[in-house]
Amino acid sequence: MNPRRIHDLMRRHFPPIEPATRTWTVVQDAQGLDGKAMAVLLTRYVGSGPVLVQVRRKQGVLLPVGEVVEYIRRHVGEGEMRVADRNFTGFVVVAQNGVATGWMRADALPARPDHGAAGPRSTTQTSGPPKGRTGMSSTNQEKP
């Protein structure tokens, strides 16, 4: 799979990152990339199959998950890297400043014993304020 195809797939299927809603982990310090922390994120969110990795528009590869940490190590700091499984159900982002986050699509989370979806709350999509609330205080609301 060439970099152009990977860029096209990422552009079409990689969801918005919403940085303020994510939990970020430091994966790079003065000594370099923390391969163990990076491997934990990859295992948790993208699984064990081949994954798509995009460093920038013209640089992306399809790799076995076991080779992704080394690829990231070579390119960390060059741009915001995006990693996704081939089905685009699990995602990892490595920011240029050496922090990373991961998440799964809400419909891809494993079921818990109580039949609810497991995983971080940041995967849940919301569609606005709760019903019956307008976001205005009672003193600012217009009278009918």
Foldseek 3Di string as FASTA:
>chain_A
DFLQVLLVCCVPQPDDDPVVLFDKAFQADPVFGNLVVVLVLCCVFANFAWKWKDFDSRDIDTGGSVCVSVVCRVRALVAWMWMHHPVRFKIKIQGNVRMITIDGALVPADADPVRHGDDDPSNDDDDDDDPPDDPDDPVPDDDD
